[in-house]
Amino acid sequence: MDWRQVVAANLRRIRRERGFSQETLAYEADVNRTYISKLEKGATWVGLEVLVKISKVLHAEPADFLERPTRRAAKKA
């Protein structure tokens, strides 16, 4: 998994867990909403400064966005 995809998956998950829309997160972090969208798609690299802004708004550690997701066990029928 590409690091952009790791950040994207974690950003989407954490943002949703905290109940933020992309628009609200962008406003609170003082970044463009389309940039948040691109980050969540894994279409662009996140800068450290922006990652810290997003982390503060979401009350998360910057390192939380770099954790590789664990594979879920397949459901048994």
N, C-alpha and C. Protein backbone atom coordinates (compact mmCIF):
# COMPACT_ATOMS: atom_id res chain seq x y z
N MET A 1 0.85 -1.18 0.00
CA MET A 1 0.00 0.00 0.00
C MET A 1 0.90 1.24 0.00
N ASP A 2 0.63 2.13 -0.91
CA ASP A 2 1.34 3.41 -1.03
C ASP A 2 1.07 4.27 0.21
N TRP A 3 2.06 5.04 0.64
CA TRP A 3 1.91 5.88 1.84
C TRP A 3 0.79 6.90 1.69
N ARG A 4 0.56 7.37 0.48
CA ARG A 4 -0.57 8.30 0.28
C ARG A 4 -1.87 7.61 0.59
N GLN A 5 -1.98 6.33 0.23
CA GLN A 5 -3.20 5.57 0.50
C GLN A 5 -3.35 5.28 1.99
N VAL A 6 -2.24 5.09 2.68
CA VAL A 6 -2.28 4.88 4.13
C VAL A 6 -2.82 6.13 4.81
N VAL A 7 -2.27 7.28 4.46
CA VAL A 7 -2.74 8.55 5.03
C VAL A 7 -4.21 8.77 4.66
N ALA A 8 -4.56 8.50 3.42
CA ALA A 8 -5.94 8.69 2.96
C ALA A 8 -6.93 7.87 3.78
N ALA A 9 -6.63 6.59 3.95
CA ALA A 9 -7.53 5.70 4.69
C ALA A 9 -7.67 6.15 6.14
N ASN A 10 -6.56 6.50 6.77
CA ASN A 10 -6.60 6.94 8.16
C ASN A 10 -7.31 8.28 8.31
N LEU A 11 -7.07 9.20 7.40
CA LEU A 11 -7.73 10.50 7.46
C LEU A 11 -9.24 10.34 7.35
N ARG A 12 -9.69 9.55 6.37
CA ARG A 12 -11.14 9.31 6.20
C ARG A 12 -11.73 8.71 7.46
N ARG A 13 -11.06 7.67 7.98
CA ARG A 13 -11.56 6.96 9.17
C ARG A 13 -11.63 7.89 10.38
N ILE A 14 -10.56 8.59 10.67
CA ILE A 14 -10.51 9.45 11.84
C ILE A 14 -11.49 10.60 11.71
N ARG A 15 -11.57 11.19 10.52
CA ARG A 15 -12.50 12.30 10.31
C ARG A 15 -13.93 11.84 10.55
N ARG A 16 -14.29 10.70 10.02
CA ARG A 16 -15.65 10.18 10.21
C ARG A 16 -15.92 9.81 11.66
N GLU A 17 -14.94 9.20 12.32
CA GLU A 17 -15.11 8.86 13.74
C GLU A 17 -15.37 10.10 14.59
N ARG A 18 -14.75 11.21 14.22
CA ARG A 18 -14.90 12.45 14.98
C ARG A 18 -16.13 13.25 14.55
N GLY A 19 -16.81 12.79 13.49
CA GLY A 19 -18.05 13.44 13.04
C GLY A 19 -17.84 14.71 12.25
N PHE A 20 -16.71 14.85 11.59
CA PHE A 20 -16.43 16.03 10.78
C PHE A 20 -16.76 15.77 9.32
N SER A 21 -17.30 16.77 8.65
CA SER A 21 -17.40 16.72 7.20
C SER A 21 -16.06 17.21 6.65
N GLN A 22 -15.81 16.96 5.38
CA GLN A 22 -14.59 17.49 4.76
C GLN A 22 -14.58 19.01 4.84
N GLU A 23 -15.71 19.60 4.61
CA GLU A 23 -15.82 21.06 4.61
C GLU A 23 -15.51 21.64 6.00
N THR A 24 -16.06 21.05 7.04
CA THR A 24 -15.82 21.53 8.39
C THR A 24 -14.36 21.34 8.79
N LEU A 25 -13.81 20.19 8.46
CA LEU A 25 -12.40 19.94 8.76
C LEU A 25 -11.51 20.96 8.05
N ALA A 26 -11.78 21.18 6.79
CA ALA A 26 -10.98 22.14 6.03
C ALA A 26 -11.06 23.53 6.64
N TYR A 27 -12.25 23.95 7.02
CA TYR A 27 -12.43 25.27 7.62
C TYR A 27 -11.67 25.38 8.94
N GLU A 28 -11.83 24.38 9.80
CA GLU A 28 -11.19 24.41 11.12
C GLU A 28 -9.66 24.33 11.01
N ALA A 29 -9.16 23.59 10.01
CA ALA A 29 -7.71 23.42 9.84
C ALA A 29 -7.12 24.52 8.96
N ASP A 30 -7.97 25.37 8.40
CA ASP A 30 -7.53 26.47 7.53
C ASP A 30 -6.80 25.95 6.29
N VAL A 31 -7.41 24.93 5.65
CA VAL A 31 -6.90 24.42 4.37
C VAL A 31 -8.08 24.32 3.41
N ASN A 32 -7.79 24.22 2.14
CA ASN A 32 -8.82 24.16 1.11
C ASN A 32 -9.55 22.82 1.17
N ARG A 33 -10.88 22.84 1.01
CA ARG A 33 -11.66 21.61 1.06
C ARG A 33 -11.28 20.65 -0.05
N THR A 34 -10.96 21.17 -1.22
CA THR A 34 -10.57 20.28 -2.31
C THR A 34 -9.25 19.58 -2.00
N TYR A 35 -8.40 20.22 -1.21
CA TYR A 35 -7.14 19.60 -0.79
C TYR A 35 -7.44 18.42 0.14
N ILE A 36 -8.38 18.61 1.06
CA ILE A 36 -8.79 17.51 1.95
C ILE A 36 -9.32 16.35 1.10
N SER A 37 -10.12 16.66 0.11
CA SER A 37 -10.67 15.63 -0.77
C SER A 37 -9.56 14.87 -1.48
N LYS A 38 -8.58 15.60 -2.01
CA LYS A 38 -7.46 14.96 -2.70
C LYS A 38 -6.65 14.08 -1.74
N LEU A 39 -6.49 14.54 -0.51
CA LEU A 39 -5.77 13.73 0.48
C LEU A 39 -6.51 12.44 0.76
N GLU A 40 -7.83 12.54 0.90
CA GLU A 40 -8.64 11.34 1.20
C GLU A 40 -8.71 10.38 0.02
N LYS A 41 -8.46 10.85 -1.17
CA LYS A 41 -8.42 9.98 -2.35
C LYS A 41 -7.02 9.40 -2.57
N GLY A 42 -6.03 9.94 -1.82
CA GLY A 42 -4.65 9.51 -2.02
C GLY A 42 -4.06 10.08 -3.29
N ALA A 43 -4.63 11.19 -3.75
CA ALA A 43 -4.20 11.79 -5.02
C ALA A 43 -3.04 12.76 -4.87
N THR A 44 -2.70 13.12 -3.64
CA THR A 44 -1.60 14.05 -3.42
C THR A 44 -0.92 13.74 -2.09
N TRP A 45 0.30 14.19 -1.96
CA TRP A 45 1.06 14.02 -0.72
C TRP A 45 0.65 15.10 0.27
N VAL A 46 0.62 14.75 1.53
CA VAL A 46 0.29 15.73 2.57
C VAL A 46 1.59 16.33 3.09
N GLY A 47 1.57 17.65 3.28
CA GLY A 47 2.71 18.32 3.88
C GLY A 47 2.65 18.19 5.40
N LEU A 48 3.81 18.21 6.03
CA LEU A 48 3.87 18.05 7.47
C LEU A 48 3.09 19.14 8.19
N GLU A 49 3.20 20.37 7.71
CA GLU A 49 2.48 21.49 8.34
C GLU A 49 0.97 21.26 8.31
N VAL A 50 0.46 20.80 7.19
CA VAL A 50 -0.97 20.54 7.05
C VAL A 50 -1.37 19.34 7.90
N LEU A 51 -0.53 18.31 7.93
CA LEU A 51 -0.83 17.14 8.75
C LEU A 51 -0.97 17.52 10.22
N VAL A 52 -0.12 18.41 10.69
CA VAL A 52 -0.20 18.85 12.07
C VAL A 52 -1.48 19.66 12.30
N LYS A 53 -1.86 20.52 11.36
CA LYS A 53 -3.10 21.29 11.48
C LYS A 53 -4.30 20.36 11.58
N ILE A 54 -4.36 19.37 10.69
CA ILE A 54 -5.46 18.41 10.68
C ILE A 54 -5.49 17.62 11.98
N SER A 55 -4.31 17.21 12.44
CA SER A 55 -4.21 16.45 13.69
C SER A 55 -4.78 17.21 14.86
N LYS A 56 -4.46 18.49 14.94
CA LYS A 56 -4.95 19.32 16.04
C LYS A 56 -6.47 19.41 16.03
N VAL A 57 -7.03 19.63 14.85
CA VAL A 57 -8.48 19.76 14.74
C VAL A 57 -9.17 18.46 15.11
N LEU A 58 -8.60 17.34 14.69
CA LEU A 58 -9.22 16.03 14.94
C LEU A 58 -8.80 15.42 16.28
N HIS A 59 -7.99 16.14 17.04
CA HIS A 59 -7.48 15.65 18.33
C HIS A 59 -6.85 14.27 18.17
N ALA A 60 -5.93 14.20 17.21
CA ALA A 60 -5.19 12.97 16.92
C ALA A 60 -3.70 13.30 16.86
N GLU A 61 -2.89 12.31 16.96
CA GLU A 61 -1.45 12.49 16.80
C GLU A 61 -1.11 12.39 15.31
N PRO A 62 -0.16 13.18 14.82
CA PRO A 62 0.23 13.06 13.42
C PRO A 62 0.60 11.62 13.03
N ALA A 63 1.22 10.90 13.96
CA ALA A 63 1.62 9.51 13.68
C ALA A 63 0.42 8.60 13.43
N ASP A 64 -0.76 8.97 13.94
CA ASP A 64 -1.96 8.16 13.73
C ASP A 64 -2.30 8.01 12.24
N PHE A 65 -1.91 9.00 11.45
CA PHE A 65 -2.22 8.98 10.03
C PHE A 65 -1.24 8.11 9.23
N LEU A 66 -0.17 7.67 9.88
CA LEU A 66 0.85 6.86 9.21
C LEU A 66 0.81 5.39 9.61
N GLU A 67 -0.17 5.01 10.40
CA GLU A 67 -0.29 3.61 10.80
C GLU A 67 -0.90 2.79 9.67
N ARG A 68 -0.19 1.76 9.29
CA ARG A 68 -0.72 0.89 8.24
C ARG A 68 -1.93 0.13 8.78
N PRO A 69 -3.02 0.09 8.02
CA PRO A 69 -4.21 -0.64 8.47
C PRO A 69 -3.92 -2.14 8.56
N THR A 70 -4.51 -2.76 9.56
CA THR A 70 -4.37 -4.20 9.70
C THR A 70 -5.38 -4.87 8.79
N ARG A 71 -5.00 -6.02 8.30
CA ARG A 71 -5.94 -6.76 7.45
C ARG A 71 -7.02 -7.36 8.33
N ARG A 72 -8.24 -7.22 7.90
CA ARG A 72 -9.36 -7.81 8.65
C ARG A 72 -9.47 -9.28 8.30
N ALA A 73 -9.78 -10.05 9.29
CA ALA A 73 -9.98 -11.48 9.05
C ALA A 73 -11.24 -11.69 8.22
N ALA A 74 -11.17 -12.61 7.30
CA ALA A 74 -12.33 -12.89 6.44
C ALA A 74 -13.45 -13.46 7.31
N LYS A 75 -14.67 -13.00 7.03
CA LYS A 75 -15.83 -13.50 7.77
C LYS A 75 -16.14 -14.92 7.35
N LYS A 76 -16.42 -15.75 8.33
CA LYS A 76 -16.79 -17.14 8.03
C LYS A 76 -18.30 -17.23 7.89
N ALA A 77 -18.73 -18.04 6.95
CA ALA A 77 -20.17 -18.19 6.69
C ALA A 77 -20.82 -19.08 7.70
